[in-house]
């Protein structure tokens, strides 16, 4: 599992951080995760969701855009 933050959003003054999240888990719980993310006031949008099923493991990759707090 990993979370990578593109810090260029801090430098360009856009006020938006791009985050790439790589997690393993039960695909059937992905809906709950998306609903929980939707309640976050600082979530700007979800750009991409990718699900890979390899080696009997489900890998979920999310690309999120997060608004920086003022």
PDB file of N, CA and C in Angstrom:
ATOM      1  N   UNK A   1       0.841  -1.181   0.000  1.00  0.00           N
ATOM      2  CA  UNK A   1       0.000   0.000   0.000  1.00  0.00           C
ATOM      3  C   UNK A   1       0.884   1.242   0.000  1.00  0.00           C
ATOM      4  N   UNK A   2       0.455   2.248  -0.737  1.00  0.00           N
ATOM      5  CA  UNK A   2       1.232   3.485  -0.767  1.00  0.00           C
ATOM      6  C   UNK A   2       0.355   4.667  -1.140  1.00  0.00           C
ATOM      7  N   UNK A   3       0.803   5.839  -0.728  1.00  0.00           N
ATOM      8  CA  UNK A   3       0.173   7.101  -1.104  1.00  0.00           C
ATOM      9  C   UNK A   3       1.289   8.019  -1.582  1.00  0.00           C
ATOM     10  N   UNK A   4       1.176   8.472  -2.822  1.00  0.00           N
ATOM     11  CA  UNK A   4       2.153   9.391  -3.392  1.00  0.00           C
ATOM     12  C   UNK A   4       1.465  10.726  -3.652  1.00  0.00           C
ATOM     13  N   UNK A   5       2.061  11.797  -3.170  1.00  0.00           N
ATOM     14  CA  UNK A   5       1.506  13.135  -3.356  1.00  0.00           C
ATOM     15  C   UNK A   5       2.388  13.910  -4.313  1.00  0.00           C
ATOM     16  N   UNK A   6       1.770  14.499  -5.318  1.00  0.00           N
ATOM     17  CA  UNK A   6       2.488  15.343  -6.272  1.00  0.00           C
ATOM     18  C   UNK A   6       2.597  16.738  -5.661  1.00  0.00           C
ATOM     19  N   UNK A   7       3.758  17.076  -5.139  1.00  0.00           N
ATOM     20  CA  UNK A   7       3.942  18.339  -4.436  1.00  0.00           C
ATOM     21  C   UNK A   7       4.003  19.550  -5.361  1.00  0.00           C
ATOM     22  N   UNK A   8       3.954  19.344  -6.650  1.00  0.00           N
ATOM     23  CA  UNK A   8       3.987  20.498  -7.559  1.00  0.00           C
ATOM     24  C   UNK A   8       2.781  21.403  -7.347  1.00  0.00           C
ATOM     25  N   UNK A   9       1.692  20.854  -6.818  1.00  0.00           N
ATOM     26  CA  UNK A   9       0.524  21.672  -6.498  1.00  0.00           C
ATOM     27  C   UNK A   9       0.819  22.706  -5.429  1.00  0.00           C
ATOM     28  N   UNK A  10       1.784  22.414  -4.576  1.00  0.00           N
ATOM     29  CA  UNK A  10       2.197  23.388  -3.567  1.00  0.00           C
ATOM     30  C   UNK A  10       2.978  24.534  -4.191  1.00  0.00           C
ATOM     31  N   UNK A  11       3.682  24.224  -5.274  1.00  0.00           N
ATOM     32  CA  UNK A  11       4.567  25.205  -5.890  1.00  0.00           C
ATOM     33  C   UNK A  11       3.861  26.084  -6.915  1.00  0.00           C
ATOM     34  N   UNK A  12       2.850  25.550  -7.601  1.00  0.00           N
ATOM     35  CA  UNK A  12       2.240  26.320  -8.693  1.00  0.00           C
ATOM     36  C   UNK A  12       1.086  27.212  -8.244  1.00  0.00           C
ATOM     37  N   UNK A  13       0.739  27.153  -6.952  1.00  0.00           N
ATOM     38  CA  UNK A  13      -0.308  28.025  -6.434  1.00  0.00           C
ATOM     39  C   UNK A  13      -1.720  27.624  -6.829  1.00  0.00           C
ATOM     40  N   UNK A  14      -1.896  26.431  -7.379  1.00  0.00           N
ATOM     41  CA  UNK A  14      -3.227  26.003  -7.818  1.00  0.00           C
ATOM     42  C   UNK A  14      -4.149  25.688  -6.649  1.00  0.00           C
ATOM     43  N   UNK A  15      -3.562  25.362  -5.503  1.00  0.00           N
ATOM     44  CA  UNK A  15      -4.377  25.008  -4.347  1.00  0.00           C
ATOM     45  C   UNK A  15      -4.887  23.578  -4.394  1.00  0.00           C
ATOM     46  N   UNK A  16      -4.415  22.795  -5.349  1.00  0.00           N
ATOM     47  CA  UNK A  16      -4.863  21.413  -5.517  1.00  0.00           C
ATOM     48  C   UNK A  16      -3.660  20.475  -5.472  1.00  0.00           C
ATOM     49  N   UNK A  17      -3.788  19.413  -4.696  1.00  0.00           N
ATOM     50  CA  UNK A  17      -2.759  18.380  -4.646  1.00  0.00           C
ATOM     51  C   UNK A  17      -3.282  17.122  -5.328  1.00  0.00           C
ATOM     52  N   UNK A  18      -2.451  16.531  -6.164  1.00  0.00           N
ATOM     53  CA  UNK A  18      -2.814  15.268  -6.793  1.00  0.00           C
ATOM     54  C   UNK A  18      -2.221  14.151  -5.944  1.00  0.00           C
ATOM     55  N   UNK A  19      -3.049  13.162  -5.620  1.00  0.00           N
ATOM     56  CA  UNK A  19      -2.592  12.024  -4.831  1.00  0.00           C
ATOM     57  C   UNK A  19      -2.876  10.740  -5.589  1.00  0.00           C
ATOM     58  N   UNK A  20      -1.886   9.866  -5.620  1.00  0.00           N
ATOM     59  CA  UNK A  20      -2.041   8.537  -6.193  1.00  0.00           C
ATOM     60  C   UNK A  20      -2.023   7.550  -5.037  1.00  0.00           C
ATOM     61  N   UNK A  21      -3.097   6.802  -4.883  1.00  0.00           N
ATOM     62  CA  UNK A  21      -3.250   5.863  -3.776  1.00  0.00           C
ATOM     63  C   UNK A  21      -3.292   4.457  -4.341  1.00  0.00           C
ATOM     64  N   UNK A  22      -2.461   3.594  -3.802  1.00  0.00           N
ATOM     65  CA  UNK A  22      -2.356   2.195  -4.223  1.00  0.00           C
ATOM     66  C   UNK A  22      -2.646   1.338  -2.995  1.00  0.00           C
ATOM     67  N   UNK A  23      -3.786   0.654  -2.986  1.00  0.00           N
ATOM     68  CA  UNK A  23      -4.167  -0.160  -1.843  1.00  0.00           C
ATOM     69  C   UNK A  23      -4.586  -1.553  -2.290  1.00  0.00           C
ATOM     70  N   UNK A  24      -4.484  -2.486  -1.378  1.00  0.00           N
ATOM     71  CA  UNK A  24      -4.966  -3.839  -1.613  1.00  0.00           C
ATOM     72  C   UNK A  24      -6.182  -4.057  -0.731  1.00  0.00           C
ATOM     73  N   UNK A  25      -7.143  -4.773  -1.244  1.00  0.00           N
ATOM     74  CA  UNK A  25      -8.315  -5.031  -0.418  1.00  0.00           C
ATOM     75  C   UNK A  25      -9.410  -5.710  -1.200  1.00  0.00           C
ATOM     76  N   UNK A  26     -10.525  -5.815  -0.545  1.00  0.00           N
ATOM     77  CA  UNK A  26     -11.705  -6.478  -1.078  1.00  0.00           C
ATOM     78  C   UNK A  26     -12.431  -5.521  -2.024  1.00  0.00           C
ATOM     79  N   UNK A  27     -12.518  -5.907  -3.274  1.00  0.00           N
ATOM     80  CA  UNK A  27     -13.176  -5.066  -4.278  1.00  0.00           C
ATOM     81  C   UNK A  27     -14.614  -4.748  -3.874  1.00  0.00           C
ATOM     82  N   UNK A  28     -15.275  -5.664  -3.194  1.00  0.00           N
ATOM     83  CA  UNK A  28     -16.671  -5.447  -2.806  1.00  0.00           C
ATOM     84  C   UNK A  28     -16.809  -4.293  -1.808  1.00  0.00           C
ATOM     85  N   UNK A  29     -15.737  -3.911  -1.148  1.00  0.00           N
ATOM     86  CA  UNK A  29     -15.779  -2.792  -0.212  1.00  0.00           C
ATOM     87  C   UNK A  29     -15.366  -1.473  -0.869  1.00  0.00           C
ATOM     88  N   UNK A  30     -15.041  -1.510  -2.160  1.00  0.00           N
ATOM     89  CA  UNK A  30     -14.642  -0.300  -2.874  1.00  0.00           C
ATOM     90  C   UNK A  30     -15.756   0.735  -2.853  1.00  0.00           C
ATOM     91  N   UNK A  31     -16.981   0.306  -2.995  1.00  0.00           N
ATOM     92  CA  UNK A  31     -18.130   1.217  -2.963  1.00  0.00           C
ATOM     93  C   UNK A  31     -18.146   2.003  -1.654  1.00  0.00           C
ATOM     94  N   UNK A  32     -17.944   1.306  -0.524  1.00  0.00           N
ATOM     95  CA  UNK A  32     -17.927   1.977   0.776  1.00  0.00           C
ATOM     96  C   UNK A  32     -16.798   2.998   0.860  1.00  0.00           C
ATOM     97  N   UNK A  33     -15.636   2.640   0.317  1.00  0.00           N
ATOM     98  CA  UNK A  33     -14.501   3.562   0.307  1.00  0.00           C
ATOM     99  C   UNK A  33     -14.831   4.820  -0.490  1.00  0.00           C
ATOM    100  N   UNK A  34     -15.419   4.646  -1.664  1.00  0.00           N
ATOM    101  CA  UNK A  34     -15.772   5.795  -2.510  1.00  0.00           C
ATOM    102  C   UNK A  34     -16.796   6.683  -1.809  1.00  0.00           C
ATOM    103  N   UNK A  35     -17.774   6.077  -1.155  1.00  0.00           N
ATOM    104  CA  UNK A  35     -18.772   6.862  -0.427  1.00  0.00           C
ATOM    105  C   UNK A  35     -18.138   7.640   0.723  1.00  0.00           C
ATOM    106  N   UNK A  36     -17.203   7.025   1.427  1.00  0.00           N
ATOM    107  CA  UNK A  36     -16.507   7.720   2.513  1.00  0.00           C
ATOM    108  C   UNK A  36     -15.654   8.866   1.974  1.00  0.00           C
ATOM    109  N   UNK A  37     -14.960   8.635   0.863  1.00  0.00           N
ATOM    110  CA  UNK A  37     -14.171   9.708   0.253  1.00  0.00           C
ATOM    111  C   UNK A  37     -15.065  10.877  -0.147  1.00  0.00           C
ATOM    112  N   UNK A  38     -16.260  10.565  -0.633  1.00  0.00           N
ATOM    113  CA  UNK A  38     -17.196  11.603  -1.059  1.00  0.00           C
ATOM    114  C   UNK A  38     -17.645  12.526   0.058  1.00  0.00           C
ATOM    115  N   UNK A  39     -17.504  12.112   1.307  1.00  0.00           N
ATOM    116  CA  UNK A  39     -17.900  12.958   2.433  1.00  0.00           C
ATOM    117  C   UNK A  39     -16.811  13.943   2.847  1.00  0.00           C
ATOM    118  N   UNK A  40     -15.608  13.777   2.290  1.00  0.00           N
ATOM    119  CA  UNK A  40     -14.505  14.659   2.663  1.00  0.00           C
ATOM    120  C   UNK A  40     -14.678  16.018   1.991  1.00  0.00           C
ATOM    121  N   UNK A  41     -14.753  17.091   2.772  1.00  0.00           N
ATOM    122  CA  UNK A  41     -14.994  18.413   2.179  1.00  0.00           C
ATOM    123  C   UNK A  41     -13.848  18.904   1.299  1.00  0.00           C
ATOM    124  N   UNK A  42     -12.662  18.370   1.489  1.00  0.00           N
ATOM    125  CA  UNK A  42     -11.496  18.824   0.734  1.00  0.00           C
ATOM    126  C   UNK A  42     -11.218  17.969  -0.503  1.00  0.00           C
ATOM    127  N   UNK A  43     -12.042  16.957  -0.768  1.00  0.00           N
ATOM    128  CA  UNK A  43     -11.885  16.166  -1.992  1.00  0.00           C
ATOM    129  C   UNK A  43     -12.428  16.967  -3.162  1.00  0.00           C
ATOM    130  N   UNK A  44     -11.568  17.344  -4.082  1.00  0.00           N
ATOM    131  CA  UNK A  44     -11.993  18.104  -5.263  1.00  0.00           C
ATOM    132  C   UNK A  44     -12.655  17.169  -6.265  1.00  0.00           C
ATOM    133  N   UNK A  45     -11.952  16.103  -6.645  1.00  0.00           N
ATOM    134  CA  UNK A  45     -12.563  15.080  -7.494  1.00  0.00           C
ATOM    135  C   UNK A  45     -11.671  13.835  -7.557  1.00  0.00           C
ATOM    136  N   UNK A  46     -12.286  12.749  -8.002  1.00  0.00           N
ATOM    137  CA  UNK A  46     -11.568  11.505  -8.250  1.00  0.00           C
ATOM    138  C   UNK A  46     -11.375  11.422  -9.754  1.00  0.00           C
ATOM    139  N   UNK A  47     -10.123  11.414 -10.176  1.00  0.00           N
ATOM    140  CA  UNK A  47      -9.831  11.408 -11.608  1.00  0.00           C
ATOM    141  C   UNK A  47      -9.894  10.003 -12.201  1.00  0.00           C
ATOM    142  N   UNK A  48      -9.404   9.026 -11.438  1.00  0.00           N
ATOM    143  CA  UNK A  48      -9.249   7.703 -12.023  1.00  0.00           C
ATOM    144  C   UNK A  48      -9.376   6.641 -10.935  1.00  0.00           C
ATOM    145  N   UNK A  49     -10.031   5.529 -11.269  1.00  0.00           N
ATOM    146  CA  UNK A  49     -10.090   4.345 -10.413  1.00  0.00           C
ATOM    147  C   UNK A  49      -9.717   3.160 -11.284  1.00  0.00           C
ATOM    148  N   UNK A  50      -8.728   2.396 -10.831  1.00  0.00           N
ATOM    149  CA  UNK A  50      -8.325   1.203 -11.572  1.00  0.00           C
ATOM    150  C   UNK A  50      -8.265   0.029 -10.606  1.00  0.00           C
ATOM    151  N   UNK A  51      -8.807  -1.096 -11.025  1.00  0.00           N
ATOM    152  CA  UNK A  51      -8.782  -2.296 -10.199  1.00  0.00           C
ATOM    153  C   UNK A  51      -8.048  -3.382 -10.975  1.00  0.00           C
ATOM    154  N   UNK A  52      -7.018  -3.948 -10.342  1.00  0.00           N
ATOM    155  CA  UNK A  52      -6.272  -5.058 -10.915  1.00  0.00           C
ATOM    156  C   UNK A  52      -6.492  -6.279 -10.031  1.00  0.00           C
ATOM    157  N   UNK A  53      -6.648  -7.424 -10.654  1.00  0.00           N
ATOM    158  CA  UNK A  53      -6.805  -8.667  -9.918  1.00  0.00           C
ATOM    159  C   UNK A  53      -5.667  -9.593 -10.329  1.00  0.00           C
ATOM    160  N   UNK A  54      -4.627  -9.647  -9.507  1.00  0.00           N
ATOM    161  CA  UNK A  54      -3.471 -10.476  -9.820  1.00  0.00           C
ATOM    162  C   UNK A  54      -3.075 -11.287  -8.598  1.00  0.00           C
ATOM    163  N   UNK A  55      -2.625 -12.482  -8.822  1.00  0.00           N
ATOM    164  CA  UNK A  55      -2.135 -13.345  -7.746  1.00  0.00           C
ATOM    165  C   UNK A  55      -3.136 -13.460  -6.601  1.00  0.00           C
ATOM    166  N   UNK A  56      -4.404 -13.633  -6.943  1.00  0.00           N
ATOM    167  CA  UNK A  56      -5.474 -13.757  -5.935  1.00  0.00           C
ATOM    168  C   UNK A  56      -5.536 -12.553  -4.990  1.00  0.00           C
ATOM    169  N   UNK A  57      -5.095 -11.422  -5.476  1.00  0.00           N
ATOM    170  CA  UNK A  57      -5.087 -10.193  -4.689  1.00  0.00           C
ATOM    171  C   UNK A  57      -5.698  -9.092  -5.532  1.00  0.00           C
ATOM    172  N   UNK A  58      -6.567  -8.317  -4.920  1.00  0.00           N
ATOM    173  CA  UNK A  58      -7.170  -7.200  -5.636  1.00  0.00           C
ATOM    174  C   UNK A  58      -6.453  -5.918  -5.248  1.00  0.00           C
ATOM    175  N   UNK A  59      -5.995  -5.230  -6.255  1.00  0.00           N
ATOM    176  CA  UNK A  59      -5.243  -3.989  -6.071  1.00  0.00           C
ATOM    177  C   UNK A  59      -6.090  -2.858  -6.637  1.00  0.00           C
ATOM    178  N   UNK A  60      -6.254  -1.808  -5.850  1.00  0.00           N
ATOM    179  CA  UNK A  60      -7.069  -0.670  -6.239  1.00  0.00           C
ATOM    180  C   UNK A  60      -6.163   0.553  -6.306  1.00  0.00           C
ATOM    181  N   UNK A  61      -6.183   1.218  -7.459  1.00  0.00           N
ATOM    182  CA  UNK A  61      -5.377   2.426  -7.663  1.00  0.00           C
ATOM    183  C   UNK A  61      -6.331   3.597  -7.865  1.00  0.00           C
ATOM    184  N   UNK A  62      -6.174   4.624  -7.057  1.00  0.00           N
ATOM    185  CA  UNK A  62      -7.024   5.817  -7.137  1.00  0.00           C
ATOM    186  C   UNK A  62      -6.154   7.029  -7.416  1.00  0.00           C
ATOM    187  N   UNK A  63      -6.648   7.910  -8.251  1.00  0.00           N
ATOM    188  CA  UNK A  63      -5.991   9.204  -8.461  1.00  0.00           C
ATOM    189  C   UNK A  63      -6.991  10.261  -8.002  1.00  0.00           C
ATOM    190  N   UNK A  64      -6.634  10.978  -6.940  1.00  0.00           N
ATOM    191  CA  UNK A  64      -7.512  11.958  -6.315  1.00  0.00           C
ATOM    192  C   UNK A  64      -6.923  13.354  -6.435  1.00  0.00           C
ATOM    193  N   UNK A  65      -7.799  14.341  -6.429  1.00  0.00           N
ATOM    194  CA  UNK A  65      -7.389  15.737  -6.383  1.00  0.00           C
ATOM    195  C   UNK A  65      -7.940  16.315  -5.084  1.00  0.00           C
ATOM    196  N   UNK A  66      -7.038  16.809  -4.242  1.00  0.00           N
ATOM    197  CA  UNK A  66      -7.380  17.294  -2.910  1.00  0.00           C
ATOM    198  C   UNK A  66      -7.133  18.801  -2.847  1.00  0.00           C
ATOM    199  N   UNK A  67      -8.134  19.539  -2.348  1.00  0.00           N
ATOM    200  CA  UNK A  67      -7.974  20.989  -2.184  1.00  0.00           C
ATOM    201  C   UNK A  67      -7.150  21.259  -0.940  1.00  0.00           C
ATOM    202  N   UNK A  68      -6.171  22.126  -1.062  1.00  0.00           N
ATOM    203  CA  UNK A  68      -5.359  22.517   0.095  1.00  0.00           C
ATOM    204  C   UNK A  68      -6.181  23.416   1.002  1.00  0.00           C
ATOM    205  N   UNK A  69      -5.969  23.251   2.273  1.00  0.00           N
ATOM    206  CA  UNK A  69      -6.673  24.101   3.232  1.00  0.00           C
ATOM    207  C   UNK A  69      -6.006  25.459   3.293  1.00  0.00           C
ATOM    208  N   UNK A  70      -6.792  26.489   3.421  1.00  0.00           N
ATOM    209  CA  UNK A  70      -6.253  27.851   3.499  1.00  0.00           C
ATOM    210  C   UNK A  70      -5.775  28.171   4.898  1.00  0.00           C
TER     211      UNK A  70
END
